[in-house]
Amino acid sequence: MAELEKRSHQNDPANRARLRWRARRGLLENDIILTRFLDAHETELTDEEVDALTRLLDLSDNALMDLVLARKEPEGEIDLPHVHALLQRLRQA
């Protein structure tokens, strides 16, 4: 169990910095939404929420914007409960 805690997102400053760097997007609207979300919630994100955010960050800017603005819902590999939950939080931010 101690090994699992060591690998936690919150316990690894490098992982936190990497996530924040990946949240910088080419589309300004995505950049603003993600930066504000991380400014407000980064320290409380669970590893499952970090996984959901990482999956969303793998998308193109336009696909991510469509999800954040609820123009589309997650499909395929990202159609997971924790991704839906994080999207709801992003949409409220």
PDB file of N, CA and C in Angstrom:
ATOM      1  N   MET A   1       0.823  -1.191   0.000  1.00  0.00           N
ATOM      2  CA  MET A   1       0.000   0.000   0.000  1.00  0.00           C
ATOM      3  C   MET A   1       0.873   1.264   0.000  1.00  0.00           C
ATOM      4  N   ALA A   2       1.990   1.227   0.724  1.00  0.00           N
ATOM      5  CA  ALA A   2       2.884   2.388   0.750  1.00  0.00           C
ATOM      6  C   ALA A   2       3.445   2.662  -0.642  1.00  0.00           C
ATOM      7  N   GLU A   3       3.708   1.609  -1.395  1.00  0.00           N
ATOM      8  CA  GLU A   3       4.211   1.764  -2.766  1.00  0.00           C
ATOM      9  C   GLU A   3       3.194   2.499  -3.626  1.00  0.00           C
ATOM     10  N   LEU A   4       1.913   2.183  -3.458  1.00  0.00           N
ATOM     11  CA  LEU A   4       0.858   2.827  -4.221  1.00  0.00           C
ATOM     12  C   LEU A   4       0.781   4.315  -3.879  1.00  0.00           C
ATOM     13  N   GLU A   5       0.922   4.653  -2.608  1.00  0.00           N
ATOM     14  CA  GLU A   5       0.878   6.051  -2.194  1.00  0.00           C
ATOM     15  C   GLU A   5       2.034   6.844  -2.797  1.00  0.00           C
ATOM     16  N   LYS A   6       3.201   6.242  -2.931  1.00  0.00           N
ATOM     17  CA  LYS A   6       4.357   6.917  -3.498  1.00  0.00           C
ATOM     18  C   LYS A   6       4.133   7.284  -4.959  1.00  0.00           C
ATOM     19  N   ARG A   7       3.386   6.456  -5.682  1.00  0.00           N
ATOM     20  CA  ARG A   7       3.153   6.701  -7.097  1.00  0.00           C
ATOM     21  C   ARG A   7       1.940   7.597  -7.342  1.00  0.00           C
ATOM     22  N   SER A   8       1.270   7.996  -6.305  1.00  0.00           N
ATOM     23  CA  SER A   8       0.090   8.848  -6.420  1.00  0.00           C
ATOM     24  C   SER A   8       0.440  10.169  -7.094  1.00  0.00           C
ATOM     25  N   HIS A   9      -0.496  10.656  -7.874  1.00  0.00           N
ATOM     26  CA  HIS A   9      -0.316  11.938  -8.550  1.00  0.00           C
ATOM     27  C   HIS A   9      -0.004  13.048  -7.550  1.00  0.00           C
ATOM     28  N   GLN A  10      -0.728  13.098  -6.463  1.00  0.00           N
ATOM     29  CA  GLN A  10      -0.561  14.173  -5.492  1.00  0.00           C
ATOM     30  C   GLN A  10       0.791  14.125  -4.787  1.00  0.00           C
ATOM     31  N   ASN A  11       1.389  12.962  -4.696  1.00  0.00           N
ATOM     32  CA  ASN A  11       2.681  12.822  -4.016  1.00  0.00           C
ATOM     33  C   ASN A  11       3.881  12.997  -4.934  1.00  0.00           C
ATOM     34  N   ASP A  12       3.645  13.269  -6.201  1.00  0.00           N
ATOM     35  CA  ASP A  12       4.739  13.375  -7.157  1.00  0.00           C
ATOM     36  C   ASP A  12       4.704  14.733  -7.858  1.00  0.00           C
ATOM     37  N   PRO A  13       5.542  15.672  -7.429  1.00  0.00           N
ATOM     38  CA  PRO A  13       5.554  16.994  -8.048  1.00  0.00           C
ATOM     39  C   PRO A  13       5.827  16.965  -9.547  1.00  0.00           C
ATOM     40  N   ALA A  14       6.608  16.003 -10.010  1.00  0.00           N
ATOM     41  CA  ALA A  14       6.892  15.903 -11.443  1.00  0.00           C
ATOM     42  C   ALA A  14       5.625  15.550 -12.216  1.00  0.00           C
ATOM     43  N   ASN A  15       4.828  14.624 -11.683  1.00  0.00           N
ATOM     44  CA  ASN A  15       3.564  14.272 -12.345  1.00  0.00           C
ATOM     45  C   ASN A  15       2.623  15.465 -12.375  1.00  0.00           C
ATOM     46  N   ARG A  16       2.575  16.219 -11.290  1.00  0.00           N
ATOM     47  CA  ARG A  16       1.699  17.388 -11.241  1.00  0.00           C
ATOM     48  C   ARG A  16       2.146  18.432 -12.257  1.00  0.00           C
ATOM     49  N   ALA A  17       3.444  18.661 -12.357  1.00  0.00           N
ATOM     50  CA  ALA A  17       3.965  19.633 -13.323  1.00  0.00           C
ATOM     51  C   ALA A  17       3.695  19.162 -14.752  1.00  0.00           C
ATOM     52  N   ARG A  18       3.857  17.869 -14.994  1.00  0.00           N
ATOM     53  CA  ARG A  18       3.615  17.298 -16.326  1.00  0.00           C
ATOM     54  C   ARG A  18       2.149  17.464 -16.725  1.00  0.00           C
ATOM     55  N   LEU A  19       1.242  17.226 -15.793  1.00  0.00           N
ATOM     56  CA  LEU A  19      -0.181  17.373 -16.083  1.00  0.00           C
ATOM     57  C   LEU A  19      -0.511  18.827 -16.411  1.00  0.00           C
ATOM     58  N   ARG A  20       0.020  19.741 -15.625  1.00  0.00           N
ATOM     59  CA  ARG A  20      -0.245  21.162 -15.871  1.00  0.00           C
ATOM     60  C   ARG A  20       0.327  21.572 -17.230  1.00  0.00           C
ATOM     61  N   TRP A  21       1.504  21.061 -17.590  1.00  0.00           N
ATOM     62  CA  TRP A  21       2.091  21.382 -18.889  1.00  0.00           C
ATOM     63  C   TRP A  21       1.221  20.842 -20.023  1.00  0.00           C
ATOM     64  N   ARG A  22       0.722  19.619 -19.870  1.00  0.00           N
ATOM     65  CA  ARG A  22      -0.130  19.028 -20.907  1.00  0.00           C
ATOM     66  C   ARG A  22      -1.452  19.766 -21.048  1.00  0.00           C
ATOM     67  N   ALA A  23      -1.889  20.435 -19.984  1.00  0.00           N
ATOM     68  CA  ALA A  23      -3.158  21.174 -20.022  1.00  0.00           C
ATOM     69  C   ALA A  23      -3.048  22.459 -20.837  1.00  0.00           C
ATOM     70  N   ARG A  24      -1.829  22.873 -21.151  1.00  0.00           N
ATOM     71  CA  ARG A  24      -1.650  24.047 -22.014  1.00  0.00           C
ATOM     72  C   ARG A  24      -2.016  23.640 -23.426  1.00  0.00           C
ATOM     73  N   ARG A  25      -2.988  24.321 -23.988  1.00  0.00           N
ATOM     74  CA  ARG A  25      -3.528  23.923 -25.268  1.00  0.00           C
ATOM     75  C   ARG A  25      -3.351  25.012 -26.309  1.00  0.00           C
ATOM     76  N   GLY A  26      -3.440  24.625 -27.569  1.00  0.00           N
ATOM     77  CA  GLY A  26      -3.358  25.578 -28.667  1.00  0.00           C
ATOM     78  C   GLY A  26      -4.611  26.417 -28.795  1.00  0.00           C
ATOM     79  N   LEU A  27      -5.734  25.848 -28.431  1.00  0.00           N
ATOM     80  CA  LEU A  27      -7.002  26.563 -28.483  1.00  0.00           C
ATOM     81  C   LEU A  27      -7.161  27.341 -27.170  1.00  0.00           C
ATOM     82  N   LEU A  28      -7.169  28.647 -27.259  1.00  0.00           N
ATOM     83  CA  LEU A  28      -7.165  29.506 -26.073  1.00  0.00           C
ATOM     84  C   LEU A  28      -8.292  29.181 -25.104  1.00  0.00           C
ATOM     85  N   GLU A  29      -9.471  28.897 -25.612  1.00  0.00           N
ATOM     86  CA  GLU A  29     -10.609  28.595 -24.739  1.00  0.00           C
ATOM     87  C   GLU A  29     -10.329  27.361 -23.879  1.00  0.00           C
ATOM     88  N   ASN A  30      -9.776  26.315 -24.484  1.00  0.00           N
ATOM     89  CA  ASN A  30      -9.404  25.116 -23.720  1.00  0.00           C
ATOM     90  C   ASN A  30      -8.346  25.463 -22.683  1.00  0.00           C
ATOM     91  N   ASP A  31      -7.365  26.225 -23.086  1.00  0.00           N
ATOM     92  CA  ASP A  31      -6.284  26.615 -22.191  1.00  0.00           C
ATOM     93  C   ASP A  31      -6.836  27.341 -20.967  1.00  0.00           C
ATOM     94  N   ILE A  32      -7.728  28.274 -21.175  1.00  0.00           N
ATOM     95  CA  ILE A  32      -8.302  29.046 -20.073  1.00  0.00           C
ATOM     96  C   ILE A  32      -9.122  28.137 -19.154  1.00  0.00           C
ATOM     97  N   ILE A  33      -9.986  27.321 -19.728  1.00  0.00           N
ATOM     98  CA  ILE A  33     -10.836  26.438 -18.918  1.00  0.00           C
ATOM     99  C   ILE A  33      -9.993  25.479 -18.090  1.00  0.00           C
ATOM    100  N   LEU A  34      -9.034  24.825 -18.733  1.00  0.00           N
ATOM    101  CA  LEU A  34      -8.211  23.841 -18.025  1.00  0.00           C
ATOM    102  C   LEU A  34      -7.315  24.485 -16.973  1.00  0.00           C
ATOM    103  N   THR A  35      -6.738  25.629 -17.291  1.00  0.00           N
ATOM    104  CA  THR A  35      -5.870  26.310 -16.328  1.00  0.00           C
ATOM    105  C   THR A  35      -6.666  26.754 -15.112  1.00  0.00           C
ATOM    106  N   ARG A  36      -7.826  27.332 -15.327  1.00  0.00           N
ATOM    107  CA  ARG A  36      -8.664  27.757 -14.195  1.00  0.00           C
ATOM    108  C   ARG A  36      -9.108  26.563 -13.361  1.00  0.00           C
ATOM    109  N   PHE A  37      -9.462  25.475 -14.034  1.00  0.00           N
ATOM    110  CA  PHE A  37      -9.866  24.271 -13.318  1.00  0.00           C
ATOM    111  C   PHE A  37      -8.725  23.755 -12.453  1.00  0.00           C
ATOM    112  N   LEU A  38      -7.529  23.662 -13.020  1.00  0.00           N
ATOM    113  CA  LEU A  38      -6.386  23.174 -12.244  1.00  0.00           C
ATOM    114  C   LEU A  38      -6.011  24.146 -11.128  1.00  0.00           C
ATOM    115  N   ASP A  39      -6.097  25.439 -11.377  1.00  0.00           N
ATOM    116  CA  ASP A  39      -5.814  26.414 -10.322  1.00  0.00           C
ATOM    117  C   ASP A  39      -6.730  26.189  -9.119  1.00  0.00           C
ATOM    118  N   ALA A  40      -7.983  25.868  -9.389  1.00  0.00           N
ATOM    119  CA  ALA A  40      -8.962  25.711  -8.313  1.00  0.00           C
ATOM    120  C   ALA A  40      -8.972  24.317  -7.688  1.00  0.00           C
ATOM    121  N   HIS A  41      -8.638  23.273  -8.456  1.00  0.00           N
ATOM    122  CA  HIS A  41      -8.870  21.908  -7.979  1.00  0.00           C
ATOM    123  C   HIS A  41      -7.676  20.967  -8.025  1.00  0.00           C
ATOM    124  N   GLU A  42      -6.544  21.411  -8.512  1.00  0.00           N
ATOM    125  CA  GLU A  42      -5.425  20.482  -8.716  1.00  0.00           C
ATOM    126  C   GLU A  42      -5.031  19.733  -7.450  1.00  0.00           C
ATOM    127  N   THR A  43      -4.980  20.390  -6.334  1.00  0.00           N
ATOM    128  CA  THR A  43      -4.502  19.743  -5.111  1.00  0.00           C
ATOM    129  C   THR A  43      -5.482  18.723  -4.546  1.00  0.00           C
ATOM    130  N   GLU A  44      -6.717  18.740  -5.009  1.00  0.00           N
ATOM    131  CA  GLU A  44      -7.709  17.789  -4.497  1.00  0.00           C
ATOM    132  C   GLU A  44      -8.058  16.682  -5.484  1.00  0.00           C
ATOM    133  N   LEU A  45      -7.448  16.681  -6.667  1.00  0.00           N
ATOM    134  CA  LEU A  45      -7.756  15.654  -7.665  1.00  0.00           C
ATOM    135  C   LEU A  45      -7.303  14.278  -7.195  1.00  0.00           C
ATOM    136  N   THR A  46      -8.169  13.304  -7.380  1.00  0.00           N
ATOM    137  CA  THR A  46      -7.800  11.923  -7.088  1.00  0.00           C
ATOM    138  C   THR A  46      -7.037  11.347  -8.278  1.00  0.00           C
ATOM    139  N   ASP A  47      -6.414  10.208  -8.068  1.00  0.00           N
ATOM    140  CA  ASP A  47      -5.707   9.563  -9.178  1.00  0.00           C
ATOM    141  C   ASP A  47      -6.679   9.180 -10.292  1.00  0.00           C
ATOM    142  N   GLU A  48      -7.900   8.819  -9.945  1.00  0.00           N
ATOM    143  CA  GLU A  48      -8.902   8.479 -10.961  1.00  0.00           C
ATOM    144  C   GLU A  48      -9.271   9.721 -11.779  1.00  0.00           C
ATOM    145  N   GLU A  49      -9.393  10.868 -11.118  1.00  0.00           N
ATOM    146  CA  GLU A  49      -9.688  12.108 -11.840  1.00  0.00           C
ATOM    147  C   GLU A  49      -8.521  12.528 -12.723  1.00  0.00           C
ATOM    148  N   VAL A  50      -7.319  12.303 -12.248  1.00  0.00           N
ATOM    149  CA  VAL A  50      -6.128  12.596 -13.058  1.00  0.00           C
ATOM    150  C   VAL A  50      -6.120  11.694 -14.288  1.00  0.00           C
ATOM    151  N   ASP A  51      -6.489  10.430 -14.123  1.00  0.00           N
ATOM    152  CA  ASP A  51      -6.572   9.523 -15.262  1.00  0.00           C
ATOM    153  C   ASP A  51      -7.596  10.044 -16.266  1.00  0.00           C
ATOM    154  N   ALA A  52      -8.753  10.488 -15.781  1.00  0.00           N
ATOM    155  CA  ALA A  52      -9.791  11.015 -16.674  1.00  0.00           C
ATOM    156  C   ALA A  52      -9.293  12.246 -17.417  1.00  0.00           C
ATOM    157  N   LEU A  53      -8.635  13.139 -16.700  1.00  0.00           N
ATOM    158  CA  LEU A  53      -8.113  14.347 -17.334  1.00  0.00           C
ATOM    159  C   LEU A  53      -7.039  14.001 -18.360  1.00  0.00           C
ATOM    160  N   THR A  54      -6.193  13.058 -18.044  1.00  0.00           N
ATOM    161  CA  THR A  54      -5.153  12.622 -18.972  1.00  0.00           C
ATOM    162  C   THR A  54      -5.773  12.066 -20.252  1.00  0.00           C
ATOM    163  N   ARG A  55      -6.841  11.299 -20.122  1.00  0.00           N
ATOM    164  CA  ARG A  55      -7.523  10.763 -21.298  1.00  0.00           C
ATOM    165  C   ARG A  55      -8.107  11.897 -22.147  1.00  0.00           C
ATOM    166  N   LEU A  56      -8.665  12.907 -21.484  1.00  0.00           N
ATOM    167  CA  LEU A  56      -9.214  14.048 -22.216  1.00  0.00           C
ATOM    168  C   LEU A  56      -8.112  14.849 -22.899  1.00  0.00           C
ATOM    169  N   LEU A  57      -6.964  14.969 -22.246  1.00  0.00           N
ATOM    170  CA  LEU A  57      -5.858  15.729 -22.821  1.00  0.00           C
ATOM    171  C   LEU A  57      -5.244  15.034 -24.029  1.00  0.00           C
ATOM    172  N   ASP A  58      -5.519  13.748 -24.195  1.00  0.00           N
ATOM    173  CA  ASP A  58      -5.041  13.023 -25.370  1.00  0.00           C
ATOM    174  C   ASP A  58      -5.838  13.385 -26.626  1.00  0.00           C
ATOM    175  N   LEU A  59      -6.978  14.050 -26.446  1.00  0.00           N
ATOM    176  CA  LEU A  59      -7.837  14.421 -27.570  1.00  0.00           C
ATOM    177  C   LEU A  59      -7.314  15.672 -28.269  1.00  0.00           C
ATOM    178  N   SER A  60      -7.780  15.875 -29.485  1.00  0.00           N
ATOM    179  CA  SER A  60      -7.451  17.117 -30.177  1.00  0.00           C
ATOM    180  C   SER A  60      -8.171  18.272 -29.491  1.00  0.00           C
ATOM    181  N   ASP A  61      -7.713  19.480 -29.740  1.00  0.00           N
ATOM    182  CA  ASP A  61      -8.331  20.651 -29.129  1.00  0.00           C
ATOM    183  C   ASP A  61      -9.815  20.763 -29.457  1.00  0.00           C
ATOM    184  N   ASN A  62     -10.172  20.552 -30.723  1.00  0.00           N
ATOM    185  CA  ASN A  62     -11.574  20.679 -31.118  1.00  0.00           C
ATOM    186  C   ASN A  62     -12.449  19.604 -30.480  1.00  0.00           C
ATOM    187  N   ALA A  63     -11.969  18.382 -30.415  1.00  0.00           N
ATOM    188  CA  ALA A  63     -12.731  17.299 -29.781  1.00  0.00           C
ATOM    189  C   ALA A  63     -12.905  17.577 -28.286  1.00  0.00           C
ATOM    190  N   LEU A  64     -11.866  18.078 -27.644  1.00  0.00           N
ATOM    191  CA  LEU A  64     -11.950  18.418 -26.229  1.00  0.00           C
ATOM    192  C   LEU A  64     -12.956  19.540 -26.001  1.00  0.00           C
ATOM    193  N   MET A  65     -12.914  20.559 -26.842  1.00  0.00           N
ATOM    194  CA  MET A  65     -13.849  21.677 -26.699  1.00  0.00           C
ATOM    195  C   MET A  65     -15.291  21.212 -26.872  1.00  0.00           C
ATOM    196  N   ASP A  66     -15.534  20.328 -27.825  1.00  0.00           N
ATOM    197  CA  ASP A  66     -16.881  19.793 -28.023  1.00  0.00           C
ATOM    198  C   ASP A  66     -17.382  19.081 -26.758  1.00  0.00           C
ATOM    199  N   LEU A  67     -16.507  18.351 -26.099  1.00  0.00           N
ATOM    200  CA  LEU A  67     -16.898  17.657 -24.868  1.00  0.00           C
ATOM    201  C   LEU A  67     -17.132  18.636 -23.719  1.00  0.00           C
ATOM    202  N   VAL A  68     -16.244  19.582 -23.567  1.00  0.00           N
ATOM    203  CA  VAL A  68     -16.363  20.549 -22.466  1.00  0.00           C
ATOM    204  C   VAL A  68     -17.629  21.387 -22.620  1.00  0.00           C
ATOM    205  N   LEU A  69     -17.960  21.743 -23.853  1.00  0.00           N
ATOM    206  CA  LEU A  69     -19.156  22.557 -24.093  1.00  0.00           C
ATOM    207  C   LEU A  69     -20.425  21.712 -24.236  1.00  0.00           C
ATOM    208  N   ALA A  70     -20.311  20.411 -24.009  1.00  0.00           N
ATOM    209  CA  ALA A  70     -21.437  19.478 -24.062  1.00  0.00           C
ATOM    210  C   ALA A  70     -22.081  19.411 -25.451  1.00  0.00           C
ATOM    211  N   ARG A  71     -21.302  19.707 -26.470  1.00  0.00           N
ATOM    212  CA  ARG A  71     -21.793  19.520 -27.834  1.00  0.00           C
ATOM    213  C   ARG A  71     -21.790  18.040 -28.205  1.00  0.00           C
ATOM    214  N   LYS A  72     -20.916  17.306 -27.529  1.00  0.00           N
ATOM    215  CA  LYS A  72     -20.807  15.860 -27.722  1.00  0.00           C
ATOM    216  C   LYS A  72     -20.576  15.228 -26.363  1.00  0.00           C
ATOM    217  N   GLU A  73     -20.771  13.920 -26.319  1.00  0.00           N
ATOM    218  CA  GLU A  73     -20.496  13.138 -25.116  1.00  0.00           C
ATOM    219  C   GLU A  73     -19.372  12.153 -25.434  1.00  0.00           C
ATOM    220  N   PRO A  74     -18.644  11.710 -24.417  1.00  0.00           N
ATOM    221  CA  PRO A  74     -17.537  10.779 -24.651  1.00  0.00           C
ATOM    222  C   PRO A  74     -17.993   9.501 -25.338  1.00  0.00           C
ATOM    223  N   GLU A  75     -17.168   9.033 -26.257  1.00  0.00           N
ATOM    224  CA  GLU A  75     -17.442   7.795 -26.999  1.00  0.00           C
ATOM    225  C   GLU A  75     -16.192   6.926 -26.986  1.00  0.00           C
ATOM    226  N   GLY A  76     -16.383   5.668 -27.220  1.00  0.00           N
ATOM    227  CA  GLY A  76     -15.257   4.738 -27.368  1.00  0.00           C
ATOM    228  C   GLY A  76     -14.465   4.575 -26.089  1.00  0.00           C
ATOM    229  N   GLU A  77     -13.165   4.685 -26.207  1.00  0.00           N
ATOM    230  CA  GLU A  77     -12.259   4.432 -25.085  1.00  0.00           C
ATOM    231  C   GLU A  77     -12.428   5.414 -23.927  1.00  0.00           C
ATOM    232  N   ILE A  78     -12.976   6.591 -24.193  1.00  0.00           N
ATOM    233  CA  ILE A  78     -13.132   7.561 -23.098  1.00  0.00           C
ATOM    234  C   ILE A  78     -14.551   7.585 -22.533  1.00  0.00           C
ATOM    235  N   ASP A  79     -15.400   6.689 -22.988  1.00  0.00           N
ATOM    236  CA  ASP A  79     -16.764   6.590 -22.468  1.00  0.00           C
ATOM    237  C   ASP A  79     -16.732   5.800 -21.157  1.00  0.00           C
ATOM    238  N   LEU A  80     -16.203   6.444 -20.130  1.00  0.00           N
ATOM    239  CA  LEU A  80     -16.014   5.824 -18.821  1.00  0.00           C
ATOM    240  C   LEU A  80     -16.664   6.697 -17.746  1.00  0.00           C
ATOM    241  N   PRO A  81     -17.153   6.095 -16.678  1.00  0.00           N
ATOM    242  CA  PRO A  81     -17.824   6.880 -15.629  1.00  0.00           C
ATOM    243  C   PRO A  81     -16.967   8.005 -15.054  1.00  0.00           C
ATOM    244  N   HIS A  82     -15.676   7.738 -14.815  1.00  0.00           N
ATOM    245  CA  HIS A  82     -14.850   8.789 -14.215  1.00  0.00           C
ATOM    246  C   HIS A  82     -14.547   9.914 -15.207  1.00  0.00           C
ATOM    247  N   VAL A  83     -14.581   9.639 -16.495  1.00  0.00           N
ATOM    248  CA  VAL A  83     -14.425  10.697 -17.501  1.00  0.00           C
ATOM    249  C   VAL A  83     -15.685  11.561 -17.529  1.00  0.00           C
ATOM    250  N   HIS A  84     -16.840  10.935 -17.485  1.00  0.00           N
ATOM    251  CA  HIS A  84     -18.101  11.685 -17.449  1.00  0.00           C
ATOM    252  C   HIS A  84     -18.150  12.578 -16.202  1.00  0.00           C
ATOM    253  N   ALA A  85     -17.735  12.029 -15.068  1.00  0.00           N
ATOM    254  CA  ALA A  85     -17.756  12.795 -13.815  1.00  0.00           C
ATOM    255  C   ALA A  85     -16.827  14.006 -13.895  1.00  0.00           C
ATOM    256  N   LEU A  86     -15.640  13.818 -14.441  1.00  0.00           N
ATOM    257  CA  LEU A  86     -14.715  14.947 -14.564  1.00  0.00           C
ATOM    258  C   LEU A  86     -15.238  15.979 -15.554  1.00  0.00           C
ATOM    259  N   LEU A  87     -15.837  15.530 -16.631  1.00  0.00           N
ATOM    260  CA  LEU A  87     -16.420  16.477 -17.590  1.00  0.00           C
ATOM    261  C   LEU A  87     -17.498  17.337 -16.934  1.00  0.00           C
ATOM    262  N   GLN A  88     -18.286  16.748 -16.071  1.00  0.00           N
ATOM    263  CA  GLN A  88     -19.298  17.531 -15.364  1.00  0.00           C
ATOM    264  C   GLN A  88     -18.650  18.621 -14.515  1.00  0.00           C
ATOM    265  N   ARG A  89     -17.551  18.287 -13.867  1.00  0.00           N
ATOM    266  CA  ARG A  89     -16.825  19.290 -13.072  1.00  0.00           C
ATOM    267  C   ARG A  89     -16.237  20.378 -13.967  1.00  0.00           C
ATOM    268  N   LEU A  90     -15.676  19.990 -15.109  1.00  0.00           N
ATOM    269  CA  LEU A  90     -15.119  20.971 -16.035  1.00  0.00           C
ATOM    270  C   LEU A  90     -16.199  21.895 -16.585  1.00  0.00           C
ATOM    271  N   ARG A  91     -17.354  21.327 -16.861  1.00  0.00           N
ATOM    272  CA  ARG A  91     -18.450  22.128 -17.416  1.00  0.00           C
ATOM    273  C   ARG A  91     -18.987  23.138 -16.409  1.00  0.00           C
ATOM    274  N   GLN A  92     -18.828  22.857 -15.143  1.00  0.00           N
ATOM    275  CA  GLN A  92     -19.283  23.789 -14.105  1.00  0.00           C
ATOM    276  C   GLN A  92     -18.249  24.837 -13.774  1.00  0.00           C
ATOM    277  N   ALA A  93     -17.011  24.590 -14.197  1.00  0.00           N
ATOM    278  CA  ALA A  93     -15.916  25.529 -13.852  1.00  0.00           C
ATOM    279  C   ALA A  93     -16.002  26.812 -14.652  1.00  0.00           C
TER     280      ALA A  93
END
